Amino acid sequence: MPTGELLALERSWVDLEEGLIYVNGLVTKNHNPKTAPIYGDMKRCLEMLLSRVQIES
């Protein structure tokens, strides 16, 4: 995911159970929504981040 999309990340876009991040088309370069998989250490890192920090939604 590009940096701009990561910085715009909202809690509601992250689905840890499905293992997916749903990116709103308003923040993508071509304005089309997309889905990014959560894999490897990403899940552990996202779980830790979400338990410590409140991501705006």
PDB file of N, CA and C in Angstrom:
ATOM      1  N   MET A   1       0.839  -1.175   0.000  1.00  0.00           N
ATOM      2  CA  MET A   1       0.000   0.000   0.000  1.00  0.00           C
ATOM      3  C   MET A   1       0.878   1.230   0.000  1.00  0.00           C
ATOM      4  N   PRO A   2       0.528   2.227  -0.783  1.00  0.00           N
ATOM      5  CA  PRO A   2       1.280   3.480  -0.776  1.00  0.00           C
ATOM      6  C   PRO A   2       1.165   4.193   0.583  1.00  0.00           C
ATOM      7  N   THR A   3       2.141   5.010   0.879  1.00  0.00           N
ATOM      8  CA  THR A   3       2.200   5.713   2.159  1.00  0.00           C
ATOM      9  C   THR A   3       0.952   6.534   2.425  1.00  0.00           C
ATOM     10  N   GLY A   4       0.451   7.232   1.420  1.00  0.00           N
ATOM     11  CA  GLY A   4      -0.738   8.064   1.596  1.00  0.00           C
ATOM     12  C   GLY A   4      -1.947   7.263   2.041  1.00  0.00           C
ATOM     13  N   GLU A   5      -2.077   6.055   1.506  1.00  0.00           N
ATOM     14  CA  GLU A   5      -3.187   5.188   1.903  1.00  0.00           C
ATOM     15  C   GLU A   5      -3.006   4.711   3.337  1.00  0.00           C
ATOM     16  N   LEU A   6      -1.786   4.409   3.719  1.00  0.00           N
ATOM     17  CA  LEU A   6      -1.522   3.983   5.101  1.00  0.00           C
ATOM     18  C   LEU A   6      -1.800   5.104   6.086  1.00  0.00           C
ATOM     19  N   LEU A   7      -1.429   6.326   5.725  1.00  0.00           N
ATOM     20  CA  LEU A   7      -1.652   7.462   6.618  1.00  0.00           C
ATOM     21  C   LEU A   7      -3.139   7.784   6.756  1.00  0.00           C
ATOM     22  N   ALA A   8      -3.934   7.455   5.747  1.00  0.00           N
ATOM     23  CA  ALA A   8      -5.378   7.716   5.777  1.00  0.00           C
ATOM     24  C   ALA A   8      -6.165   6.559   6.380  1.00  0.00           C
ATOM     25  N   LEU A   9      -5.480   5.512   6.804  1.00  0.00           N
ATOM     26  CA  LEU A   9      -6.124   4.292   7.297  1.00  0.00           C
ATOM     27  C   LEU A   9      -7.113   4.586   8.413  1.00  0.00           C
ATOM     28  N   GLU A  10      -8.288   3.996   8.302  1.00  0.00           N
ATOM     29  CA  GLU A  10      -9.308   4.105   9.334  1.00  0.00           C
ATOM     30  C   GLU A  10      -9.578   2.721   9.902  1.00  0.00           C
ATOM     31  N   ARG A  11      -9.921   2.666  11.174  1.00  0.00           N
ATOM     32  CA  ARG A  11     -10.155   1.396  11.856  1.00  0.00           C
ATOM     33  C   ARG A  11     -11.204   0.553  11.140  1.00  0.00           C
ATOM     34  N   SER A  12     -12.224   1.204  10.620  1.00  0.00           N
ATOM     35  CA  SER A  12     -13.318   0.469   9.973  1.00  0.00           C
ATOM     36  C   SER A  12     -12.879  -0.229   8.686  1.00  0.00           C
ATOM     37  N   TRP A  13     -11.737   0.134   8.142  1.00  0.00           N
ATOM     38  CA  TRP A  13     -11.234  -0.487   6.916  1.00  0.00           C
ATOM     39  C   TRP A  13     -10.508  -1.801   7.201  1.00  0.00           C
ATOM     40  N   VAL A  14     -10.130  -2.049   8.443  1.00  0.00           N
ATOM     41  CA  VAL A  14      -9.326  -3.215   8.804  1.00  0.00           C
ATOM     42  C   VAL A  14     -10.227  -4.348   9.287  1.00  0.00           C
ATOM     43  N   ASP A  15     -10.158  -5.498   8.626  1.00  0.00           N
ATOM     44  CA  ASP A  15     -10.906  -6.680   9.030  1.00  0.00           C
ATOM     45  C   ASP A  15      -9.901  -7.788   9.330  1.00  0.00           C
ATOM     46  N   LEU A  16      -9.534  -7.903  10.609  1.00  0.00           N
ATOM     47  CA  LEU A  16      -8.527  -8.884  11.002  1.00  0.00           C
ATOM     48  C   LEU A  16      -9.039 -10.308  10.837  1.00  0.00           C
ATOM     49  N   GLU A  17     -10.318 -10.529  11.034  1.00  0.00           N
ATOM     50  CA  GLU A  17     -10.874 -11.876  10.885  1.00  0.00           C
ATOM     51  C   GLU A  17     -10.792 -12.355   9.436  1.00  0.00           C
ATOM     52  N   GLU A  18     -11.115 -11.465   8.501  1.00  0.00           N
ATOM     53  CA  GLU A  18     -11.050 -11.810   7.076  1.00  0.00           C
ATOM     54  C   GLU A  18      -9.623 -11.714   6.540  1.00  0.00           C
ATOM     55  N   GLY A  19      -8.772 -10.999   7.276  1.00  0.00           N
ATOM     56  CA  GLY A  19      -7.394 -10.820   6.823  1.00  0.00           C
ATOM     57  C   GLY A  19      -7.274  -9.841   5.670  1.00  0.00           C
ATOM     58  N   LEU A  20      -8.127  -8.785   5.704  1.00  0.00           N
ATOM     59  CA  LEU A  20      -8.147  -7.827   4.607  1.00  0.00           C
ATOM     60  C   LEU A  20      -8.236  -6.393   5.120  1.00  0.00           C
ATOM     61  N   ILE A  21      -7.684  -5.485   4.317  1.00  0.00           N
ATOM     62  CA  ILE A  21      -7.857  -4.053   4.536  1.00  0.00           C
ATOM     63  C   ILE A  21      -8.612  -3.540   3.320  1.00  0.00           C
ATOM     64  N   TYR A  22      -9.754  -2.907   3.567  1.00  0.00           N
ATOM     65  CA  TYR A  22     -10.568  -2.342   2.495  1.00  0.00           C
ATOM     66  C   TYR A  22     -10.247  -0.853   2.410  1.00  0.00           C
ATOM     67  N   VAL A  23      -9.620  -0.435   1.314  1.00  0.00           N
ATOM     68  CA  VAL A  23      -9.175   0.954   1.159  1.00  0.00           C
ATOM     69  C   VAL A  23     -10.242   1.741   0.404  1.00  0.00           C
ATOM     70  N   ASN A  24     -10.690   2.820   1.013  1.00  0.00           N
ATOM     71  CA  ASN A  24     -11.702   3.693   0.427  1.00  0.00           C
ATOM     72  C   ASN A  24     -11.162   4.346  -0.844  1.00  0.00           C
ATOM     73  N   GLY A  25     -11.982   4.409  -1.881  1.00  0.00           N
ATOM     74  CA  GLY A  25     -11.569   5.008  -3.141  1.00  0.00           C
ATOM     75  C   GLY A  25     -11.245   6.483  -3.047  1.00  0.00           C
ATOM     76  N   LEU A  26     -11.682   7.153  -1.995  1.00  0.00           N
ATOM     77  CA  LEU A  26     -11.387   8.579  -1.850  1.00  0.00           C
ATOM     78  C   LEU A  26      -9.902   8.842  -1.601  1.00  0.00           C
ATOM     79  N   VAL A  27      -9.167   7.828  -1.154  1.00  0.00           N
ATOM     80  CA  VAL A  27      -7.751   8.049  -0.851  1.00  0.00           C
ATOM     81  C   VAL A  27      -6.809   7.355  -1.840  1.00  0.00           C
ATOM     82  N   THR A  28      -7.350   6.610  -2.799  1.00  0.00           N
ATOM     83  CA  THR A  28      -6.482   5.934  -3.766  1.00  0.00           C
ATOM     84  C   THR A  28      -6.182   6.871  -4.933  1.00  0.00           C
ATOM     85  N   LYS A  29      -5.086   6.627  -5.596  1.00  0.00           N
ATOM     86  CA  LYS A  29      -4.640   7.482  -6.688  1.00  0.00           C
ATOM     87  C   LYS A  29      -5.666   7.563  -7.825  1.00  0.00           C
ATOM     88  N   ASN A  30      -6.265   6.420  -8.165  1.00  0.00           N
ATOM     89  CA  ASN A  30      -7.228   6.402  -9.267  1.00  0.00           C
ATOM     90  C   ASN A  30      -8.680   6.498  -8.788  1.00  0.00           C
ATOM     91  N   HIS A  31      -8.870   6.723  -7.499  1.00  0.00           N
ATOM     92  CA  HIS A  31     -10.184   6.894  -6.874  1.00  0.00           C
ATOM     93  C   HIS A  31     -11.060   5.642  -6.936  1.00  0.00           C
ATOM     94  N   ASN A  32     -10.455   4.496  -7.141  1.00  0.00           N
ATOM     95  CA  ASN A  32     -11.174   3.227  -7.092  1.00  0.00           C
ATOM     96  C   ASN A  32     -10.847   2.535  -5.776  1.00  0.00           C
ATOM     97  N   PRO A  33     -11.866   2.038  -5.062  1.00  0.00           N
ATOM     98  CA  PRO A  33     -11.582   1.310  -3.825  1.00  0.00           C
ATOM     99  C   PRO A  33     -10.798   0.039  -4.137  1.00  0.00           C
ATOM    100  N   LYS A  34     -10.032  -0.414  -3.160  1.00  0.00           N
ATOM    101  CA  LYS A  34      -9.288  -1.658  -3.360  1.00  0.00           C
ATOM    102  C   LYS A  34      -9.192  -2.421  -2.056  1.00  0.00           C
ATOM    103  N   THR A  35      -8.799  -3.671  -2.181  1.00  0.00           N
ATOM    104  CA  THR A  35      -8.640  -4.547  -1.035  1.00  0.00           C
ATOM    105  C   THR A  35      -7.191  -4.995  -0.966  1.00  0.00           C
ATOM    106  N   ALA A  36      -6.611  -4.907   0.229  1.00  0.00           N
ATOM    107  CA  ALA A  36      -5.225  -5.331   0.427  1.00  0.00           C
ATOM    108  C   ALA A  36      -5.203  -6.461   1.453  1.00  0.00           C
ATOM    109  N   PRO A  37      -4.478  -7.535   1.167  1.00  0.00           N
ATOM    110  CA  PRO A  37      -4.423  -8.648   2.125  1.00  0.00           C
ATOM    111  C   PRO A  37      -3.541  -8.311   3.330  1.00  0.00           C
ATOM    112  N   ILE A  38      -3.895  -8.901   4.452  1.00  0.00           N
ATOM    113  CA  ILE A  38      -3.075  -8.823   5.657  1.00  0.00           C
ATOM    114  C   ILE A  38      -2.343 -10.164   5.739  1.00  0.00           C
ATOM    115  N   TYR A  39      -1.024 -10.124   5.716  1.00  0.00           N
ATOM    116  CA  TYR A  39      -0.261 -11.370   5.704  1.00  0.00           C
ATOM    117  C   TYR A  39       1.000 -11.233   6.553  1.00  0.00           C
ATOM    118  N   GLY A  40       1.571 -12.366   6.876  1.00  0.00           N
ATOM    119  CA  GLY A  40       2.819 -12.395   7.640  1.00  0.00           C
ATOM    120  C   GLY A  40       2.700 -11.663   8.962  1.00  0.00           C
ATOM    121  N   ASP A  41       3.707 -10.852   9.251  1.00  0.00           N
ATOM    122  CA  ASP A  41       3.748 -10.102  10.513  1.00  0.00           C
ATOM    123  C   ASP A  41       2.770  -8.940  10.561  1.00  0.00           C
ATOM    124  N   MET A  42       2.158  -8.625   9.418  1.00  0.00           N
ATOM    125  CA  MET A  42       1.222  -7.497   9.388  1.00  0.00           C
ATOM    126  C   MET A  42       0.083  -7.681  10.398  1.00  0.00           C
ATOM    127  N   LYS A  43      -0.465  -8.891  10.477  1.00  0.00           N
ATOM    128  CA  LYS A  43      -1.594  -9.123  11.380  1.00  0.00           C
ATOM    129  C   LYS A  43      -1.184  -8.859  12.820  1.00  0.00           C
ATOM    130  N   ARG A  44      -0.044  -9.394  13.216  1.00  0.00           N
ATOM    131  CA  ARG A  44       0.432  -9.185  14.585  1.00  0.00           C
ATOM    132  C   ARG A  44       0.666  -7.699  14.857  1.00  0.00           C
ATOM    133  N   CYS A  45       1.259  -7.002  13.917  1.00  0.00           N
ATOM    134  CA  CYS A  45       1.529  -5.570  14.076  1.00  0.00           C
ATOM    135  C   CYS A  45       0.240  -4.762  14.143  1.00  0.00           C
ATOM    136  N   LEU A  46      -0.724  -5.086  13.276  1.00  0.00           N
ATOM    137  CA  LEU A  46      -2.006  -4.379  13.299  1.00  0.00           C
ATOM    138  C   LEU A  46      -2.756  -4.636  14.601  1.00  0.00           C
ATOM    139  N   GLU A  47      -2.737  -5.870  15.082  1.00  0.00           N
ATOM    140  CA  GLU A  47      -3.390  -6.181  16.356  1.00  0.00           C
ATOM    141  C   GLU A  47      -2.770  -5.374  17.484  1.00  0.00           C
ATOM    142  N   MET A  48      -1.445  -5.283  17.502  1.00  0.00           N
ATOM    143  CA  MET A  48      -0.759  -4.518  18.543  1.00  0.00           C
ATOM    144  C   MET A  48      -1.106  -3.035  18.424  1.00  0.00           C
ATOM    145  N   LEU A  49      -1.081  -2.513  17.214  1.00  0.00           N
ATOM    146  CA  LEU A  49      -1.394  -1.101  16.991  1.00  0.00           C
ATOM    147  C   LEU A  49      -2.827  -0.796  17.409  1.00  0.00           C
ATOM    148  N   LEU A  50      -3.758  -1.635  16.990  1.00  0.00           N
ATOM    149  CA  LEU A  50      -5.154  -1.382  17.304  1.00  0.00           C
ATOM    150  C   LEU A  50      -5.450  -1.535  18.782  1.00  0.00           C
ATOM    151  N   SER A  51      -4.681  -2.319  19.497  1.00  0.00           N
ATOM    152  CA  SER A  51      -4.893  -2.446  20.933  1.00  0.00           C
ATOM    153  C   SER A  51      -4.305  -1.265  21.703  1.00  0.00           C
ATOM    154  N   ARG A  52      -3.347  -0.585  21.110  1.00  0.00           N
ATOM    155  CA  ARG A  52      -2.691   0.546  21.789  1.00  0.00           C
ATOM    156  C   ARG A  52      -3.199   1.905  21.355  1.00  0.00           C
ATOM    157  N   VAL A  53      -3.571   2.018  20.105  1.00  0.00           N
ATOM    158  CA  VAL A  53      -3.884   3.321  19.533  1.00  0.00           C
ATOM    159  C   VAL A  53      -5.300   3.295  18.965  1.00  0.00           C
ATOM    160  N   GLN A  54      -6.041   4.331  19.209  1.00  0.00           N
ATOM    161  CA  GLN A  54      -7.379   4.455  18.648  1.00  0.00           C
ATOM    162  C   GLN A  54      -7.236   5.090  17.262  1.00  0.00           C
ATOM    163  N   ILE A  55      -7.516   4.302  16.203  1.00  0.00           N
ATOM    164  CA  ILE A  55      -7.477   4.844  14.842  1.00  0.00           C
ATOM    165  C   ILE A  55      -8.812   5.494  14.564  1.00  0.00           C
ATOM    166  N   GLU A  56      -8.778   6.738  14.089  1.00  0.00           N
ATOM    167  CA  GLU A  56     -10.004   7.452  13.790  1.00  0.00           C
ATOM    168  C   GLU A  56     -10.785   6.738  12.714  1.00  0.00           C
ATOM    169  N   SER A  57     -12.093   6.670  12.866  1.00  0.00           N
ATOM    170  CA  SER A  57     -12.943   6.065  11.840  1.00  0.00           C
ATOM    171  C   SER A  57     -14.037   7.012  11.417  1.00  0.00           C
TER     172      SER A  57
END
